[in-house]
């Protein structure tokens, strides 16, 4: 989608989806499928709030935060810069800079990928360190915004939980120990 469809087309599709969602009786959504469209959902949220287009209440994230090299479309020559739907961040200062930059762009929440398919054989492996994840949570929470973590592996989930994220998306490989940790850390 990021490589093949114009930004305007994807935003127009999101506007249509917002109207259809509201007409179906859904009053609140999180994002509208504009991955890789930078902060288009922030603008769409403003347009619905101002009554320019009909739509539900929107809670929006910016580009998901990912560890450099873990997320972009694969299979291209190394000298080719490939656009992606996520924002890369690394190191303790780098993740804070990206989180604060997203906050400045008007997001309602920060989304991170705690793990992704970037292992040596394409297997899902944790990305951000526990310390990096904690450093993302601090400015987000300080600004009143939650952090949501895309996580499926036990270690990716554990790091997110220990760092204080507000919700975990997916959790496919959660173990009894992970579910207990979620309860313990609220």
Foldseek 3Di string as FASTA:
>chain_A
DLPPDDLVVLLVVQLVVFQVCVVVVNAEDEDRPNQLSFVSVQVVQVCCVVVVGPGHRYQYEGFAEFAPPFFFDDDDPPVDDGRGRHHYADDLVGLLVVLVVRVVVPHQAHEYEQWAQRPPVSRIDGTDALNNLLSSQVVCVVVVHAYEYADAACVSLVSNLSSPGDYYPDNNHPDPVSVVSNVVSD
